[in-house]
Amino acid sequence: MAREGIIFFLPFLIIAIVFFYIFNKQPNMTFIYLGVISFTFACMLILFFRDPERKIPEDEDLVVSPADGRVMNIERTGDRIVVSVFMSIFDVHINRIPVTGQVERLNYRPGKFKAAYKKSASDINERFEIEIKTDKGNVTVYQIAGILARRVVCRLKKGQFVAKGDRFGLIRFGSRVDLFLPITSQVDVKKGQKVTGGETVIGRLI
């Protein structure tokens, strides 16, 4: 479980324990129902903030998905290829480093909380921009907030060395991640494809 989820999980667990304790002292089915509801929410939060281990591909030129979700769009813009991954509330929320390299730029941009599936969300929504320098060109990741995702978490520091598949943050309760690759890159995924963060190969740096 991601540590950022603990502050959401613990209150519901404590409330559930309190209701069960009250029922033990004063039997009333209302306390049981309230306890079960609170405990159910606690279990759902464990699911939302789950942090499973992943098998990272070893080839250093491969680019892995920075998030769990579905490929929403693949587009060539100027000198870059943009691969957008939409994360639902049922996907793992942890974001992972797509390539091995050095963090060259970190930029937080406040913004709106429009639907993440809209193309304009990449420009107007709250987001964190992470640019990673590699020997074969720079790769950039946008963590984009959405309607339900009201908090983007990035744990990186400028100048930090990162390895492909490393955990670097999360977006609470789903949203979208945009991956910007050099125009010469090979892309191996298709629009609509389901991807797994840290495991699914998005493409190759050439």
Protein backbone atom coordinates (compact mmCIF):
# COMPACT_ATOMS: atom_id res chain seq x y z
CA MET A 1 0.00 0.00 0.00
CA ALA A 2 1.31 3.46 -0.94
CA ARG A 3 2.13 5.54 2.11
CA GLU A 4 0.02 8.44 0.78
CA GLY A 5 -3.08 6.27 1.24
CA ILE A 6 -2.60 5.75 4.98
CA ILE A 7 -4.15 9.11 5.93
CA PHE A 8 -7.31 8.10 4.05
CA PHE A 9 -7.40 4.48 5.21
CA LEU A 10 -6.79 4.91 8.97
CA PRO A 11 -9.76 7.18 9.79
CA PHE A 12 -12.27 4.74 8.28
CA LEU A 13 -10.60 1.82 10.06
CA ILE A 14 -10.68 3.65 13.40
CA ILE A 15 -14.33 4.63 12.90
CA ALA A 16 -15.22 1.01 12.12
CA ILE A 17 -13.45 -0.20 15.28
CA VAL A 18 -15.28 2.43 17.36
CA PHE A 19 -18.69 1.34 16.02
CA PHE A 20 -17.92 -2.33 16.68
CA TYR A 21 -16.77 -1.45 20.21
CA ILE A 22 -19.97 0.52 20.88
CA PHE A 23 -22.04 -2.43 19.62
CA ASN A 24 -20.19 -4.70 22.03
CA LYS A 25 -21.18 -2.41 24.92
CA GLN A 26 -24.63 -1.51 23.66
CA PRO A 27 -26.04 -4.09 21.18
CA ASN A 28 -27.79 -2.24 18.40
CA MET A 29 -27.72 -3.34 14.75
CA THR A 30 -27.31 0.28 13.64
CA PHE A 31 -23.76 0.27 15.01
CA ILE A 32 -23.02 -2.97 13.15
CA TYR A 33 -24.25 -1.49 9.86
CA LEU A 34 -22.21 1.68 10.36
CA GLY A 35 -19.15 -0.37 11.30
CA VAL A 36 -19.47 -2.56 8.22
CA ILE A 37 -19.88 0.48 5.95
CA SER A 38 -16.79 2.16 7.44
CA PHE A 39 -14.76 -1.04 7.19
CA THR A 40 -15.85 -1.47 3.56
CA PHE A 41 -14.59 2.03 2.74
CA ALA A 42 -11.30 1.19 4.45
CA CYS A 43 -10.94 -1.93 2.28
CA MET A 44 -11.74 0.07 -0.87
CA LEU A 45 -9.00 2.55 -0.01
CA ILE A 46 -6.51 -0.30 0.38
CA LEU A 47 -7.52 -1.35 -3.14
CA PHE A 48 -7.14 2.17 -4.50
CA PHE A 49 -3.68 2.66 -2.99
CA ARG A 50 -2.33 -0.83 -3.61
CA ASP A 51 1.32 -0.96 -4.67
CA PRO A 52 2.13 -4.31 -6.31
CA GLU A 53 5.60 -5.41 -7.34
CA ARG A 54 6.34 -5.36 -11.06
CA LYS A 55 8.77 -7.20 -13.35
CA ILE A 56 10.73 -4.49 -15.16
CA PRO A 57 12.10 -5.25 -18.69
CA GLU A 58 15.91 -5.17 -18.67
CA ASP A 59 16.69 -3.77 -22.14
CA GLU A 60 17.90 -0.21 -21.45
CA ASP A 61 16.42 1.20 -24.67
CA LEU A 62 12.88 0.08 -23.88
CA VAL A 63 10.33 2.59 -22.62
CA VAL A 64 7.82 1.22 -20.11
CA SER A 65 4.40 2.56 -19.25
CA PRO A 66 4.47 5.16 -16.46
CA ALA A 67 0.99 4.14 -15.31
CA ASP A 68 -1.65 1.42 -15.24
CA GLY A 69 -4.60 2.14 -17.50
CA ARG A 70 -5.60 2.24 -21.12
CA VAL A 71 -3.87 3.99 -24.03
CA MET A 72 -6.19 6.87 -24.80
CA ASN A 73 -4.30 8.47 -27.66
CA ILE A 74 -1.06 8.31 -29.66
CA GLU A 75 -0.12 11.49 -31.48
CA ARG A 76 2.87 13.01 -33.27
CA THR A 77 3.28 16.68 -32.42
CA GLY A 78 6.28 18.59 -33.70
CA ASP A 79 9.44 16.76 -32.62
CA ARG A 80 7.71 14.45 -30.14
CA ILE A 81 5.38 11.49 -29.93
CA VAL A 82 2.73 11.72 -27.21
CA VAL A 83 1.25 8.57 -25.67
CA SER A 84 -1.63 9.26 -23.27
CA VAL A 85 -2.68 6.68 -20.65
CA PHE A 86 -6.03 7.09 -18.90
CA MET A 87 -6.22 5.77 -15.33
CA SER A 88 -9.59 4.77 -13.91
CA ILE A 89 -10.33 4.64 -10.18
CA PHE A 90 -9.93 0.85 -10.39
CA ASP A 91 -6.36 0.99 -11.74
CA VAL A 92 -3.20 1.02 -9.60
CA HIS A 93 -2.47 4.67 -8.82
CA ILE A 94 1.33 4.39 -8.50
CA ASN A 95 3.33 6.04 -11.28
CA ARG A 96 6.65 4.62 -12.48
CA ILE A 97 9.70 5.97 -14.29
CA PRO A 98 9.51 5.10 -18.03
CA VAL A 99 13.27 5.26 -18.80
CA THR A 100 16.59 5.26 -16.99
CA GLY A 101 18.23 8.67 -16.80
CA GLN A 102 18.58 11.89 -14.83
CA VAL A 103 15.77 14.23 -13.80
CA GLU A 104 16.53 17.41 -15.74
CA ARG A 105 13.35 19.38 -15.08
CA LEU A 106 10.51 19.35 -12.57
CA ASN A 107 7.64 21.77 -12.98
CA TYR A 108 4.36 21.94 -11.09
CA ARG A 109 1.56 23.77 -12.90
CA PRO A 110 -1.65 24.60 -11.02
CA GLY A 111 -4.78 24.42 -13.12
CA LYS A 112 -8.32 23.20 -13.50
CA PHE A 113 -9.86 19.79 -12.81
CA LYS A 114 -11.65 19.03 -16.06
CA ALA A 115 -12.32 15.52 -17.36
CA ALA A 116 -8.92 13.90 -17.99
CA TYR A 117 -10.05 12.16 -21.19
CA LYS A 118 -10.41 15.53 -22.94
CA LYS A 119 -7.45 16.55 -25.09
CA SER A 120 -7.33 20.02 -23.53
CA ALA A 121 -6.67 18.52 -20.07
CA SER A 122 -2.97 18.23 -20.91
CA ASP A 123 -2.78 22.04 -21.14
CA ILE A 124 -5.35 23.40 -18.67
CA ASN A 125 -5.49 20.89 -15.80
CA GLU A 126 -3.28 20.77 -12.73
CA ARG A 127 -0.20 18.74 -13.59
CA PHE A 128 3.37 17.83 -12.71
CA GLU A 129 5.91 17.82 -15.55
CA ILE A 130 8.95 15.56 -15.20
CA GLU A 131 11.67 15.63 -17.86
CA ILE A 132 14.27 12.85 -17.85
CA LYS A 133 17.54 13.14 -19.75
CA THR A 134 18.82 10.00 -21.50
CA ASP A 135 21.61 9.27 -23.98
CA LYS A 136 19.00 8.96 -26.75
CA GLY A 137 16.97 12.07 -26.10
CA ASN A 138 14.81 13.48 -23.35
CA VAL A 139 11.59 11.82 -22.20
CA THR A 140 8.89 13.82 -20.42
CA VAL A 141 6.01 12.63 -18.23
CA TYR A 142 2.94 14.69 -17.34
CA GLN A 143 0.95 13.64 -14.27
CA ILE A 144 -2.42 15.22 -15.01
CA ALA A 145 -5.19 15.70 -12.46
CA GLY A 146 -8.85 15.16 -13.39
CA ILE A 147 -12.37 15.51 -12.00
CA LEU A 148 -11.82 12.98 -9.20
CA ALA A 149 -8.04 13.27 -9.04
CA ARG A 150 -7.49 16.35 -6.92
CA ARG A 151 -3.95 15.65 -5.86
CA VAL A 152 -0.82 14.92 -7.90
CA VAL A 153 2.11 13.54 -5.90
CA CYS A 154 5.68 13.57 -7.25
CA ARG A 155 8.54 12.37 -5.02
CA LEU A 156 11.43 13.30 -7.34
CA LYS A 157 14.14 15.95 -7.06
CA LYS A 158 15.94 17.79 -9.84
CA GLY A 159 19.25 16.15 -10.73
CA GLN A 160 18.22 12.81 -9.25
CA PHE A 161 19.24 9.64 -11.10
CA VAL A 162 16.27 7.38 -11.76
CA ALA A 163 15.96 3.83 -13.05
CA LYS A 164 13.29 2.51 -15.36
CA GLY A 165 10.37 1.11 -13.37
CA ASP A 166 11.12 3.06 -10.17
CA ARG A 167 8.09 4.37 -8.30
CA PHE A 168 8.05 8.16 -8.38
CA GLY A 169 4.58 9.27 -7.31
CA LEU A 170 0.86 8.85 -7.84
CA ILE A 171 -2.35 10.59 -8.80
CA ARG A 172 -5.08 10.11 -6.23
CA PHE A 173 -8.22 8.44 -7.54
CA GLY A 174 -7.39 8.03 -11.19
CA SER A 175 -6.71 10.48 -14.03
CA ARG A 176 -4.19 10.56 -16.86
CA VAL A 177 -0.48 10.39 -17.64
CA ASP A 178 1.02 11.77 -20.86
CA LEU A 179 4.35 10.38 -22.06
CA PHE A 180 6.40 12.51 -24.50
CA LEU A 181 9.01 10.61 -26.53
CA PRO A 182 11.58 11.79 -29.13
CA ILE A 183 10.09 11.74 -32.63
CA THR A 184 12.55 9.01 -33.67
CA SER A 185 11.20 6.60 -31.05
CA GLN A 186 9.51 3.34 -31.95
CA VAL A 187 6.02 2.95 -30.47
CA ASP A 188 4.74 -0.59 -29.90
CA VAL A 189 1.35 0.02 -28.25
CA LYS A 190 -1.98 0.81 -29.89
CA LYS A 191 -4.86 3.07 -28.99
CA GLY A 192 -7.26 1.31 -26.63
CA GLN A 193 -4.62 -1.14 -25.36
CA LYS A 194 -4.51 -1.95 -21.64
CA VAL A 195 -1.09 -1.22 -20.11
CA THR A 196 0.62 -1.98 -16.81
CA GLY A 197 2.93 0.54 -15.17
CA GLY A 198 6.58 -0.55 -15.14
CA GLU A 199 5.89 -3.72 -17.18
CA THR A 200 4.19 -2.92 -20.49
CA VAL A 201 6.64 -1.80 -23.17
CA ILE A 202 5.41 1.44 -24.74
CA GLY A 203 8.22 1.49 -27.29
CA ARG A 204 11.93 1.89 -27.83
CA LEU A 205 14.33 4.85 -27.94
CA ILE A 206 16.23 4.90 -31.22
